Amino acid sequence: MSKWIDDSIVIDFPVPNPIQQIISELEKYDQEEDDYFYFDRSELLENVTKDYVYEKVLTAKQRALLIQKYS
């Protein structure tokens, strides 16, 4: 069971590798209950996904799902 990750949200779209790396770190820090590094990476996810929406790699809806799941 996750402390900060909303497991009810399913990410069923392709995620760019840099975002996947951040997600892997978030999952690790969530499991370890390391709030400092979890929220540091969560903030990074919010910033990086903005760029991917701007570049039209992700939609705003996909970004919102990622943020909702991991923030």
PDB file of N, CA and C in Angstrom:
ATOM      1  N   MET A   1       0.844  -1.186   0.000  1.00  0.00           N
ATOM      2  CA  MET A   1       0.000   0.000   0.000  1.00  0.00           C
ATOM      3  C   MET A   1       0.884   1.243   0.000  1.00  0.00           C
ATOM      4  N   SER A   2       0.536   2.154  -0.846  1.00  0.00           N
ATOM      5  CA  SER A   2       1.323   3.366  -0.990  1.00  0.00           C
ATOM      6  C   SER A   2       0.914   4.417   0.035  1.00  0.00           C
ATOM      7  N   LYS A   3       1.892   5.175   0.448  1.00  0.00           N
ATOM      8  CA  LYS A   3       1.619   6.257   1.383  1.00  0.00           C
ATOM      9  C   LYS A   3       1.180   7.516   0.638  1.00  0.00           C
ATOM     10  N   TRP A   4       1.869   7.828  -0.465  1.00  0.00           N
ATOM     11  CA  TRP A   4       1.582   9.067  -1.185  1.00  0.00           C
ATOM     12  C   TRP A   4       1.078   8.840  -2.605  1.00  0.00           C
ATOM     13  N   ILE A   5       1.251   7.673  -3.164  1.00  0.00           N
ATOM     14  CA  ILE A   5       0.846   7.391  -4.540  1.00  0.00           C
ATOM     15  C   ILE A   5      -0.600   6.916  -4.550  1.00  0.00           C
ATOM     16  N   ASP A   6      -1.390   7.496  -5.454  1.00  0.00           N
ATOM     17  CA  ASP A   6      -2.798   7.104  -5.589  1.00  0.00           C
ATOM     18  C   ASP A   6      -2.871   5.896  -6.525  1.00  0.00           C
ATOM     19  N   ASP A   7      -2.928   4.716  -5.945  1.00  0.00           N
ATOM     20  CA  ASP A   7      -2.920   3.475  -6.721  1.00  0.00           C
ATOM     21  C   ASP A   7      -4.200   3.257  -7.524  1.00  0.00           C
ATOM     22  N   SER A   8      -5.229   4.043  -7.258  1.00  0.00           N
ATOM     23  CA  SER A   8      -6.477   3.884  -8.014  1.00  0.00           C
ATOM     24  C   SER A   8      -6.379   4.492  -9.417  1.00  0.00           C
ATOM     25  N   ILE A   9      -5.370   5.321  -9.644  1.00  0.00           N
ATOM     26  CA  ILE A   9      -5.185   5.945 -10.956  1.00  0.00           C
ATOM     27  C   ILE A   9      -4.264   5.067 -11.786  1.00  0.00           C
ATOM     28  N   VAL A  10      -4.733   4.706 -12.970  1.00  0.00           N
ATOM     29  CA  VAL A  10      -3.966   3.849 -13.874  1.00  0.00           C
ATOM     30  C   VAL A  10      -3.387   4.716 -14.988  1.00  0.00           C
ATOM     31  N   ILE A  11      -2.091   4.608 -15.187  1.00  0.00           N
ATOM     32  CA  ILE A  11      -1.414   5.315 -16.274  1.00  0.00           C
ATOM     33  C   ILE A  11      -1.334   4.335 -17.439  1.00  0.00           C
ATOM     34  N   ASP A  12      -2.190   4.555 -18.439  1.00  0.00           N
ATOM     35  CA  ASP A  12      -2.281   3.611 -19.556  1.00  0.00           C
ATOM     36  C   ASP A  12      -1.863   4.255 -20.879  1.00  0.00           C
ATOM     37  N   PHE A  13      -0.902   5.151 -20.782  1.00  0.00           N
ATOM     38  CA  PHE A  13      -0.365   5.807 -21.968  1.00  0.00           C
ATOM     39  C   PHE A  13       1.159   5.792 -21.875  1.00  0.00           C
ATOM     40  N   PRO A  14       1.838   5.907 -23.029  1.00  0.00           N
ATOM     41  CA  PRO A  14       3.304   5.877 -22.999  1.00  0.00           C
ATOM     42  C   PRO A  14       3.864   7.093 -22.254  1.00  0.00           C
ATOM     43  N   VAL A  15       4.863   6.828 -21.442  1.00  0.00           N
ATOM     44  CA  VAL A  15       5.500   7.877 -20.655  1.00  0.00           C
ATOM     45  C   VAL A  15       6.959   7.972 -21.101  1.00  0.00           C
ATOM     46  N   PRO A  16       7.439   9.173 -21.428  1.00  0.00           N
ATOM     47  CA  PRO A  16       8.838   9.324 -21.841  1.00  0.00           C
ATOM     48  C   PRO A  16       9.806   8.797 -20.774  1.00  0.00           C
ATOM     49  N   ASN A  17      10.935   8.300 -21.221  1.00  0.00           N
ATOM     50  CA  ASN A  17      11.918   7.689 -20.314  1.00  0.00           C
ATOM     51  C   ASN A  17      12.323   8.577 -19.138  1.00  0.00           C
ATOM     52  N   PRO A  18      12.594   9.874 -19.337  1.00  0.00           N
ATOM     53  CA  PRO A  18      12.959  10.694 -18.168  1.00  0.00           C
ATOM     54  C   PRO A  18      11.854  10.743 -17.111  1.00  0.00           C
ATOM     55  N   ILE A  19      10.613  10.760 -17.551  1.00  0.00           N
ATOM     56  CA  ILE A  19       9.502  10.753 -16.595  1.00  0.00           C
ATOM     57  C   ILE A  19       9.395   9.386 -15.935  1.00  0.00           C
ATOM     58  N   GLN A  20       9.612   8.332 -16.694  1.00  0.00           N
ATOM     59  CA  GLN A  20       9.571   6.984 -16.123  1.00  0.00           C
ATOM     60  C   GLN A  20      10.636   6.829 -15.037  1.00  0.00           C
ATOM     61  N   GLN A  21      11.799   7.438 -15.247  1.00  0.00           N
ATOM     62  CA  GLN A  21      12.862   7.388 -14.237  1.00  0.00           C
ATOM     63  C   GLN A  21      12.410   8.096 -12.958  1.00  0.00           C
ATOM     64  N   ILE A  22      11.787   9.246 -13.104  1.00  0.00           N
ATOM     65  CA  ILE A  22      11.284   9.976 -11.933  1.00  0.00           C
ATOM     66  C   ILE A  22      10.224   9.144 -11.213  1.00  0.00           C
ATOM     67  N   ILE A  23       9.337   8.512 -11.968  1.00  0.00           N
ATOM     68  CA  ILE A  23       8.294   7.666 -11.375  1.00  0.00           C
ATOM     69  C   ILE A  23       8.919   6.509 -10.598  1.00  0.00           C
ATOM     70  N   SER A  24       9.957   5.905 -11.146  1.00  0.00           N
ATOM     71  CA  SER A  24      10.646   4.810 -10.445  1.00  0.00           C
ATOM     72  C   SER A  24      11.210   5.295  -9.117  1.00  0.00           C
ATOM     73  N   GLU A  25      11.788   6.482  -9.129  1.00  0.00           N
ATOM     74  CA  GLU A  25      12.325   7.048  -7.891  1.00  0.00           C
ATOM     75  C   GLU A  25      11.194   7.357  -6.909  1.00  0.00           C
ATOM     76  N   LEU A  26      10.092   7.899  -7.412  1.00  0.00           N
ATOM     77  CA  LEU A  26       8.946   8.183  -6.543  1.00  0.00           C
ATOM     78  C   LEU A  26       8.430   6.906  -5.885  1.00  0.00           C
ATOM     79  N   GLU A  27       8.338   5.842  -6.654  1.00  0.00           N
ATOM     80  CA  GLU A  27       7.867   4.568  -6.101  1.00  0.00           C
ATOM     81  C   GLU A  27       8.824   4.046  -5.037  1.00  0.00           C
ATOM     82  N   LYS A  28      10.111   4.207  -5.270  1.00  0.00           N
ATOM     83  CA  LYS A  28      11.120   3.777  -4.294  1.00  0.00           C
ATOM     84  C   LYS A  28      10.990   4.590  -3.002  1.00  0.00           C
ATOM     85  N   TYR A  29      10.920   5.912  -3.131  1.00  0.00           N
ATOM     86  CA  TYR A  29      10.840   6.764  -1.945  1.00  0.00           C
ATOM     87  C   TYR A  29       9.509   6.604  -1.218  1.00  0.00           C
ATOM     88  N   ASP A  30       8.450   6.323  -1.950  1.00  0.00           N
ATOM     89  CA  ASP A  30       7.162   6.055  -1.321  1.00  0.00           C
ATOM     90  C   ASP A  30       7.252   4.789  -0.473  1.00  0.00           C
ATOM     91  N   GLN A  31       7.854   3.758  -1.034  1.00  0.00           N
ATOM     92  CA  GLN A  31       7.991   2.491  -0.313  1.00  0.00           C
ATOM     93  C   GLN A  31       8.858   2.672   0.938  1.00  0.00           C
ATOM     94  N   GLU A  32       9.894   3.498   0.820  1.00  0.00           N
ATOM     95  CA  GLU A  32      10.794   3.747   1.952  1.00  0.00           C
ATOM     96  C   GLU A  32      10.236   4.791   2.920  1.00  0.00           C
ATOM     97  N   GLU A  33       9.107   5.413   2.552  1.00  0.00           N
ATOM     98  CA  GLU A  33       8.494   6.490   3.326  1.00  0.00           C
ATOM     99  C   GLU A  33       9.473   7.631   3.576  1.00  0.00           C
ATOM    100  N   ASP A  34      10.239   7.953   2.548  1.00  0.00           N
ATOM    101  CA  ASP A  34      11.220   9.039   2.604  1.00  0.00           C
ATOM    102  C   ASP A  34      10.559  10.299   2.046  1.00  0.00           C
ATOM    103  N   ASP A  35       9.938  11.056   2.941  1.00  0.00           N
ATOM    104  CA  ASP A  35       9.158  12.198   2.467  1.00  0.00           C
ATOM    105  C   ASP A  35      10.006  13.286   1.840  1.00  0.00           C
ATOM    106  N   TYR A  36      11.207  13.524   2.317  1.00  0.00           N
ATOM    107  CA  TYR A  36      12.047  14.577   1.741  1.00  0.00           C
ATOM    108  C   TYR A  36      12.310  14.314   0.261  1.00  0.00           C
ATOM    109  N   PHE A  37      12.844  13.147  -0.053  1.00  0.00           N
ATOM    110  CA  PHE A  37      13.174  12.844  -1.445  1.00  0.00           C
ATOM    111  C   PHE A  37      11.920  12.597  -2.283  1.00  0.00           C
ATOM    112  N   TYR A  38      10.866  12.043  -1.676  1.00  0.00           N
ATOM    113  CA  TYR A  38       9.633  11.831  -2.431  1.00  0.00           C
ATOM    114  C   TYR A  38       9.096  13.162  -2.943  1.00  0.00           C
ATOM    115  N   PHE A  39       8.961  14.135  -2.063  1.00  0.00           N
ATOM    116  CA  PHE A  39       8.361  15.405  -2.477  1.00  0.00           C
ATOM    117  C   PHE A  39       9.309  16.236  -3.336  1.00  0.00           C
ATOM    118  N   ASP A  40      10.604  16.035  -3.184  1.00  0.00           N
ATOM    119  CA  ASP A  40      11.563  16.660  -4.099  1.00  0.00           C
ATOM    120  C   ASP A  40      11.337  16.145  -5.520  1.00  0.00           C
ATOM    121  N   ARG A  41      11.215  14.828  -5.661  1.00  0.00           N
ATOM    122  CA  ARG A  41      10.986  14.220  -6.979  1.00  0.00           C
ATOM    123  C   ARG A  41       9.586  14.527  -7.492  1.00  0.00           C
ATOM    124  N   SER A  42       8.622  14.640  -6.610  1.00  0.00           N
ATOM    125  CA  SER A  42       7.264  14.987  -7.010  1.00  0.00           C
ATOM    126  C   SER A  42       7.239  16.386  -7.636  1.00  0.00           C
ATOM    127  N   GLU A  43       7.966  17.296  -7.036  1.00  0.00           N
ATOM    128  CA  GLU A  43       8.070  18.650  -7.596  1.00  0.00           C
ATOM    129  C   GLU A  43       8.772  18.619  -8.953  1.00  0.00           C
ATOM    130  N   LEU A  44       9.806  17.810  -9.067  1.00  0.00           N
ATOM    131  CA  LEU A  44      10.494  17.667 -10.351  1.00  0.00           C
ATOM    132  C   LEU A  44       9.539  17.122 -11.411  1.00  0.00           C
ATOM    133  N   LEU A  45       8.721  16.140 -11.044  1.00  0.00           N
ATOM    134  CA  LEU A  45       7.743  15.581 -11.984  1.00  0.00           C
ATOM    135  C   LEU A  45       6.800  16.673 -12.489  1.00  0.00           C
ATOM    136  N   GLU A  46       6.330  17.517 -11.588  1.00  0.00           N
ATOM    137  CA  GLU A  46       5.438  18.601 -12.000  1.00  0.00           C
ATOM    138  C   GLU A  46       6.119  19.522 -13.007  1.00  0.00           C
ATOM    139  N   ASN A  47       7.368  19.860 -12.763  1.00  0.00           N
ATOM    140  CA  ASN A  47       8.086  20.770 -13.659  1.00  0.00           C
ATOM    141  C   ASN A  47       8.413  20.129 -15.003  1.00  0.00           C
ATOM    142  N   VAL A  48       8.887  18.902 -14.982  1.00  0.00           N
ATOM    143  CA  VAL A  48       9.283  18.223 -16.220  1.00  0.00           C
ATOM    144  C   VAL A  48       8.070  17.961 -17.110  1.00  0.00           C
ATOM    145  N   THR A  49       6.958  17.572 -16.505  1.00  0.00           N
ATOM    146  CA  THR A  49       5.776  17.283 -17.321  1.00  0.00           C
ATOM    147  C   THR A  49       5.223  18.536 -17.990  1.00  0.00           C
ATOM    148  N   LYS A  50       5.431  19.704 -17.395  1.00  0.00           N
ATOM    149  CA  LYS A  50       5.018  20.953 -18.049  1.00  0.00           C
ATOM    150  C   LYS A  50       5.708  21.089 -19.400  1.00  0.00           C
ATOM    151  N   ASP A  51       7.005  20.789 -19.422  1.00  0.00           N
ATOM    152  CA  ASP A  51       7.764  20.883 -20.673  1.00  0.00           C
ATOM    153  C   ASP A  51       7.237  19.901 -21.712  1.00  0.00           C
ATOM    154  N   TYR A  52       6.897  18.708 -21.290  1.00  0.00           N
ATOM    155  CA  TYR A  52       6.390  17.705 -22.234  1.00  0.00           C
ATOM    156  C   TYR A  52       5.017  18.085 -22.790  1.00  0.00           C
ATOM    157  N   VAL A  53       4.213  18.769 -22.007  1.00  0.00           N
ATOM    158  CA  VAL A  53       2.931  19.262 -22.526  1.00  0.00           C
ATOM    159  C   VAL A  53       3.198  20.378 -23.532  1.00  0.00           C
ATOM    160  N   TYR A  54       4.110  21.267 -23.191  1.00  0.00           N
ATOM    161  CA  TYR A  54       4.455  22.366 -24.099  1.00  0.00           C
ATOM    162  C   TYR A  54       4.973  21.829 -25.435  1.00  0.00           C
ATOM    163  N   GLU A  55       5.765  20.751 -25.372  1.00  0.00           N
ATOM    164  CA  GLU A  55       6.328  20.134 -26.582  1.00  0.00           C
ATOM    165  C   GLU A  55       5.350  19.167 -27.250  1.00  0.00           C
ATOM    166  N   LYS A  56       4.147  19.034 -26.689  1.00  0.00           N
ATOM    167  CA  LYS A  56       3.082  18.164 -27.219  1.00  0.00           C
ATOM    168  C   LYS A  56       3.455  16.675 -27.220  1.00  0.00           C
ATOM    169  N   VAL A  57       4.278  16.288 -26.254  1.00  0.00           N
ATOM    170  CA  VAL A  57       4.601  14.875 -26.046  1.00  0.00           C
ATOM    171  C   VAL A  57       3.538  14.251 -25.142  1.00  0.00           C
ATOM    172  N   LEU A  58       3.046  15.038 -24.195  1.00  0.00           N
ATOM    173  CA  LEU A  58       1.945  14.647 -23.313  1.00  0.00           C
ATOM    174  C   LEU A  58       0.809  15.644 -23.494  1.00  0.00           C
ATOM    175  N   THR A  59      -0.405  15.186 -23.252  1.00  0.00           N
ATOM    176  CA  THR A  59      -1.537  16.113 -23.231  1.00  0.00           C
ATOM    177  C   THR A  59      -1.667  16.688 -21.821  1.00  0.00           C
ATOM    178  N   ALA A  60      -2.411  17.761 -21.699  1.00  0.00           N
ATOM    179  CA  ALA A  60      -2.653  18.346 -20.381  1.00  0.00           C
ATOM    180  C   ALA A  60      -3.384  17.349 -19.475  1.00  0.00           C
ATOM    181  N   LYS A  61      -4.282  16.557 -20.056  1.00  0.00           N
ATOM    182  CA  LYS A  61      -5.011  15.549 -19.272  1.00  0.00           C
ATOM    183  C   LYS A  61      -4.056  14.464 -18.765  1.00  0.00           C
ATOM    184  N   GLN A  62      -3.130  14.016 -19.612  1.00  0.00           N
ATOM    185  CA  GLN A  62      -2.155  13.007 -19.188  1.00  0.00           C
ATOM    186  C   GLN A  62      -1.277  13.559 -18.073  1.00  0.00           C
ATOM    187  N   ARG A  63      -0.853  14.804 -18.221  1.00  0.00           N
ATOM    188  CA  ARG A  63      -0.040  15.432 -17.177  1.00  0.00           C
ATOM    189  C   ARG A  63      -0.823  15.483 -15.869  1.00  0.00           C
ATOM    190  N   ALA A  64      -2.086  15.876 -15.954  1.00  0.00           N
ATOM    191  CA  ALA A  64      -2.913  15.965 -14.752  1.00  0.00           C
ATOM    192  C   ALA A  64      -3.032  14.610 -14.055  1.00  0.00           C
ATOM    193  N   LEU A  65      -3.171  13.541 -14.824  1.00  0.00           N
ATOM    194  CA  LEU A  65      -3.239  12.198 -14.233  1.00  0.00           C
ATOM    195  C   LEU A  65      -1.936  11.843 -13.520  1.00  0.00           C
ATOM    196  N   LEU A  66      -0.811  12.149 -14.149  1.00  0.00           N
ATOM    197  CA  LEU A  66       0.486  11.867 -13.527  1.00  0.00           C
ATOM    198  C   LEU A  66       0.639  12.644 -12.219  1.00  0.00           C
ATOM    199  N   ILE A  67       0.277  13.919 -12.254  1.00  0.00           N
ATOM    200  CA  ILE A  67       0.397  14.750 -11.057  1.00  0.00           C
ATOM    201  C   ILE A  67      -0.551  14.254  -9.967  1.00  0.00           C
ATOM    202  N   GLN A  68      -1.772  13.925 -10.357  1.00  0.00           N
ATOM    203  CA  GLN A  68      -2.747  13.437  -9.374  1.00  0.00           C
ATOM    204  C   GLN A  68      -2.275  12.127  -8.744  1.00  0.00           C
ATOM    205  N   LYS A  69      -1.700  11.257  -9.534  1.00  0.00           N
ATOM    206  CA  LYS A  69      -1.252   9.962  -9.024  1.00  0.00           C
ATOM    207  C   LYS A  69      -0.046  10.104  -8.097  1.00  0.00           C
ATOM    208  N   TYR A  70       0.893  10.968  -8.453  1.00  0.00           N
ATOM    209  CA  TYR A  70       2.174  11.007  -7.747  1.00  0.00           C
ATOM    210  C   TYR A  70       2.395  12.233  -6.866  1.00  0.00           C
ATOM    211  N   SER A  71       1.408  13.122  -6.731  1.00  0.00           N
ATOM    212  CA  SER A  71       1.619  14.317  -5.896  1.00  0.00           C
ATOM    213  C   SER A  71       0.705  14.330  -4.689  1.00  0.00           C
TER     214      SER A  71
END
